[in-house]
Protein backbone atom coordinates (compact mmCIF):
# COMPACT_ATOMS: atom_id res chain seq x y z
CA MET A 1 -68.43 44.41 -19.74
CA ASN A 2 -67.86 45.10 -23.45
CA LYS A 3 -65.76 43.06 -25.85
CA THR A 4 -62.80 45.44 -25.74
CA SER A 5 -62.73 45.30 -21.94
CA VAL A 6 -62.89 41.51 -22.01
CA LEU A 7 -59.96 41.33 -24.42
CA ARG A 8 -57.93 43.73 -22.29
CA LEU A 9 -58.69 41.73 -19.16
CA ALA A 10 -57.69 38.49 -20.88
CA ALA A 11 -54.42 40.02 -22.06
CA SER A 12 -53.71 41.34 -18.58
CA SER A 13 -54.36 37.89 -17.09
CA VAL A 14 -51.96 36.27 -19.54
CA LEU A 15 -49.24 38.78 -18.70
CA THR A 16 -49.80 38.25 -14.98
CA LEU A 17 -49.50 34.47 -15.29
CA SER A 18 -46.43 34.84 -17.50
CA ALA A 19 -44.76 36.88 -14.79
CA LEU A 20 -45.29 34.15 -12.22
CA PHE A 21 -43.57 31.38 -14.15
CA SER A 22 -40.46 31.19 -16.30
CA ALA A 23 -40.62 30.76 -20.06
CA PRO A 24 -42.05 27.31 -20.84
CA SER A 25 -40.41 24.59 -22.88
CA MET A 26 -42.35 22.73 -25.58
CA ALA A 27 -43.54 20.24 -22.93
CA GLN A 28 -44.70 23.08 -20.74
CA GLN A 29 -46.58 24.66 -23.62
CA ALA A 30 -48.80 21.58 -23.42
CA GLN A 31 -49.07 22.52 -19.73
CA THR A 32 -47.92 19.18 -18.39
CA TYR A 33 -46.05 21.16 -15.72
CA VAL A 34 -44.87 24.64 -14.88
CA THR A 35 -41.53 25.83 -13.56
CA LEU A 36 -41.33 28.44 -10.83
CA GLU A 37 -39.07 31.39 -11.51
CA GLN A 38 -37.59 31.06 -8.02
CA ALA A 39 -36.98 27.58 -6.61
CA GLN A 40 -38.28 26.97 -3.11
CA PRO A 41 -35.94 25.56 -0.42
CA SER A 42 -36.37 22.07 0.98
CA ASP A 43 -37.34 21.67 4.62
CA THR A 44 -35.77 18.22 4.72
CA LEU A 45 -31.99 18.27 5.18
CA ASN A 46 -30.07 16.65 2.32
CA LYS A 47 -33.28 15.39 0.72
CA THR A 48 -35.10 16.25 -2.48
CA GLU A 49 -38.72 16.97 -1.65
CA VAL A 50 -41.92 16.14 -3.47
CA LEU A 51 -44.84 18.02 -1.95
CA GLU A 52 -48.33 16.60 -2.41
CA PHE A 53 -50.90 19.35 -2.02
CA PHE A 54 -54.24 17.78 -1.18
CA SER A 55 -57.54 18.18 0.59
CA TYR A 56 -59.55 15.48 2.32
CA SER A 57 -62.73 16.87 0.73
CA CYS A 58 -61.31 16.47 -2.78
CA PRO A 59 -62.59 13.31 -4.55
CA HIS A 60 -59.62 13.33 -6.93
CA CYS A 61 -57.29 13.32 -3.93
CA ALA A 62 -59.15 10.32 -2.55
CA THR A 63 -58.61 8.51 -5.84
CA ALA A 64 -54.96 9.54 -5.97
CA GLU A 65 -54.12 8.60 -2.36
CA PRO A 66 -53.39 4.86 -2.78
CA LEU A 67 -51.51 5.51 -6.04
CA VAL A 68 -49.39 8.26 -4.49
CA ALA A 69 -48.73 6.14 -1.40
CA GLU A 70 -47.52 3.23 -3.54
CA TRP A 71 -45.46 5.55 -5.74
CA ALA A 72 -43.78 7.07 -2.69
CA THR A 73 -42.42 3.67 -1.63
CA LYS A 74 -40.38 3.57 -4.84
CA LEU A 75 -38.79 7.00 -4.57
CA PRO A 76 -34.97 7.22 -4.44
CA GLU A 77 -33.40 7.19 -0.99
CA ASP A 78 -32.52 10.86 -1.26
CA THR A 79 -36.11 11.85 -2.07
CA VAL A 80 -39.00 12.28 0.35
CA LEU A 81 -42.74 12.85 -0.09
CA GLN A 82 -44.27 15.50 2.16
CA ARG A 83 -48.05 15.86 2.24
CA VAL A 84 -49.41 19.40 2.48
CA PRO A 85 -53.13 19.77 3.28
CA ILE A 86 -54.56 23.02 1.97
CA ALA A 87 -57.82 24.93 2.34
CA PHE A 88 -59.24 27.02 -0.47
CA ASN A 89 -61.89 28.46 1.85
CA ALA A 90 -62.80 28.68 5.53
CA GLY A 91 -65.02 25.61 5.33
CA MET A 92 -62.00 23.42 4.54
CA VAL A 93 -59.79 24.53 7.42
CA ASP A 94 -60.89 21.91 9.97
CA LEU A 95 -60.00 19.13 7.52
CA GLN A 96 -56.65 20.81 6.91
CA ARG A 97 -56.17 20.93 10.68
CA MET A 98 -57.13 17.25 10.90
CA TYR A 99 -54.09 16.07 8.93
CA TYR A 100 -51.62 17.86 11.17
CA THR A 101 -53.47 16.62 14.26
CA LEU A 102 -53.16 13.01 13.10
CA GLU A 103 -49.51 13.62 12.28
CA ALA A 104 -48.80 15.08 15.73
CA LEU A 105 -50.57 12.18 17.41
CA ASP A 106 -48.61 9.66 15.32
CA ARG A 107 -51.90 8.40 13.87
CA LEU A 108 -51.34 8.85 10.16
CA ASP A 109 -52.49 5.28 9.87
CA LEU A 110 -55.92 6.98 9.81
CA HIS A 111 -55.04 9.15 6.80
CA GLU A 112 -56.44 6.80 4.17
CA ALA A 113 -59.29 5.78 6.49
CA LEU A 114 -60.48 9.40 6.61
CA PHE A 115 -60.59 9.56 2.81
CA LYS A 116 -62.64 6.36 2.85
CA ALA A 117 -65.02 7.69 5.51
CA LEU A 118 -65.64 10.85 3.51
CA HIS A 119 -65.83 9.53 -0.04
CA GLN A 120 -66.96 5.92 0.23
CA GLU A 121 -68.97 5.90 3.44
CA ARG A 122 -70.23 9.47 2.78
CA LYS A 123 -69.82 10.56 6.38
CA PRO A 124 -70.27 14.33 6.94
CA LEU A 125 -66.90 14.90 8.58
CA PHE A 126 -66.35 18.55 7.80
CA ASP A 127 -66.13 20.34 11.16
CA ALA A 128 -64.26 19.99 14.43
CA LYS A 129 -67.13 18.31 16.28
CA ALA A 130 -67.66 15.59 13.68
CA LEU A 131 -63.94 15.02 13.22
CA THR A 132 -63.40 14.74 16.97
CA GLN A 133 -66.10 12.09 17.30
CA TRP A 134 -64.73 10.18 14.32
CA ALA A 135 -61.26 10.20 15.83
CA VAL A 136 -62.62 8.98 19.18
CA ASP A 137 -64.42 6.18 17.32
CA GLN A 138 -61.03 5.18 15.91
CA GLY A 139 -59.59 4.86 19.42
CA VAL A 140 -58.03 8.31 19.84
CA ASP A 141 -58.27 9.88 23.29
CA LYS A 142 -60.75 12.77 23.12
CA ASP A 143 -58.87 15.21 25.36
CA GLU A 144 -55.56 14.53 23.66
CA PHE A 145 -57.16 14.97 20.26
CA THR A 146 -58.89 18.23 21.19
CA ASN A 147 -55.76 19.72 22.76
CA THR A 148 -53.68 18.81 19.72
CA PHE A 149 -56.33 19.95 17.22
CA ASN A 150 -56.24 23.45 18.75
CA SER A 151 -52.53 23.54 19.55
CA PHE A 152 -49.94 26.13 18.63
CA GLY A 153 -47.95 23.46 16.80
CA VAL A 154 -50.84 22.60 14.51
CA ASN A 155 -51.61 26.28 13.92
CA THR A 156 -47.98 26.84 12.94
CA LYS A 157 -48.06 23.99 10.44
CA ILE A 158 -51.29 25.30 8.91
CA SER A 159 -49.68 28.69 8.45
CA LYS A 160 -46.69 27.03 6.77
CA ALA A 161 -48.98 25.01 4.49
CA ASN A 162 -50.78 28.17 3.43
CA ASP A 163 -47.45 29.84 2.69
CA LEU A 164 -46.39 26.88 0.56
CA ALA A 165 -49.64 26.88 -1.39
CA ARG A 166 -49.10 30.55 -2.20
CA ALA A 167 -45.41 30.06 -3.08
CA TYR A 168 -46.22 27.24 -5.48
CA ARG A 169 -49.35 28.98 -6.86
CA ILE A 170 -51.52 25.93 -6.11
CA GLU A 171 -54.99 26.28 -7.63
CA ALA A 172 -56.12 22.65 -7.76
CA THR A 173 -55.74 19.43 -5.80
CA PRO A 174 -54.06 17.07 -5.94
CA SER A 175 -50.91 18.83 -7.13
CA LEU A 176 -47.29 17.77 -6.91
CA ALA A 177 -44.39 20.16 -6.42
CA VAL A 178 -41.13 18.49 -7.41
CA SER A 179 -37.62 19.53 -6.37
CA GLY A 180 -38.81 22.94 -5.21
CA LYS A 181 -39.45 24.25 -8.72
CA TYR A 182 -41.79 22.09 -10.83
CA VAL A 183 -45.56 21.90 -10.34
CA THR A 184 -47.98 19.50 -11.99
CA ASN A 185 -51.41 18.01 -11.42
CA PRO A 186 -53.67 15.39 -13.06
CA SER A 187 -55.34 17.97 -15.28
CA MET A 188 -52.04 19.13 -16.76
CA ALA A 189 -50.56 15.64 -16.97
CA ARG A 190 -53.79 14.10 -18.30
CA GLY A 191 -54.30 11.72 -15.41
CA ILE A 192 -53.04 10.64 -12.00
CA PRO A 193 -50.71 7.85 -13.21
CA GLN A 194 -49.35 10.24 -15.85
CA MET A 195 -48.76 12.87 -13.17
CA LEU A 196 -46.69 10.40 -11.14
CA GLU A 197 -44.73 9.30 -14.19
CA LEU A 198 -44.06 12.93 -15.05
CA ALA A 199 -42.86 13.53 -11.50
CA ASN A 200 -40.35 10.71 -11.96
CA GLY A 201 -39.03 12.45 -15.03
CA LEU A 202 -38.82 15.81 -13.28
CA LEU A 203 -36.91 14.24 -10.39
CA ALA A 204 -34.37 12.93 -12.89
CA GLN A 205 -33.70 16.39 -14.34
């Protein structure tokens, strides 16, 4: 590809990105966050939502998890954190499915434990077979786990998560979507604590 073609492609990419998001403020020019042109509705009645887009395989998400969990305990009463597992490729889908399985089984007490198993204990928990055995080792009934893992309800939630990732133009994890219209991540905010502090400011807008 010649230089002229490269420049044209770059210009086209800039125009495409500009069309996705509204005109940035000075803060946005530093890319601390972006604002969607069209705000997304909340799924939680009478609550302001913060969506945390994450993946269990993401080391930055593992680092962020205890900080986000602590931060969520201090949110205003009219604000709720919703976690949204996403998969950037087919190899990540079983881990995406795992979150909604734990949620359906009322075993989100294992959420942080799974991060630890993957990133501290270095366990190869990337497919259904390995995840099933890990869950059984944590005291989950195997048949109940398997039925839930492959259930219509979990499939529906995965489809919804994928729709949300597209709506918010999520390209990295972890990312926070605040009040249905602002999106930030540690790269833009220059760190995980900074991302959470920025989210506080966005909630106050």
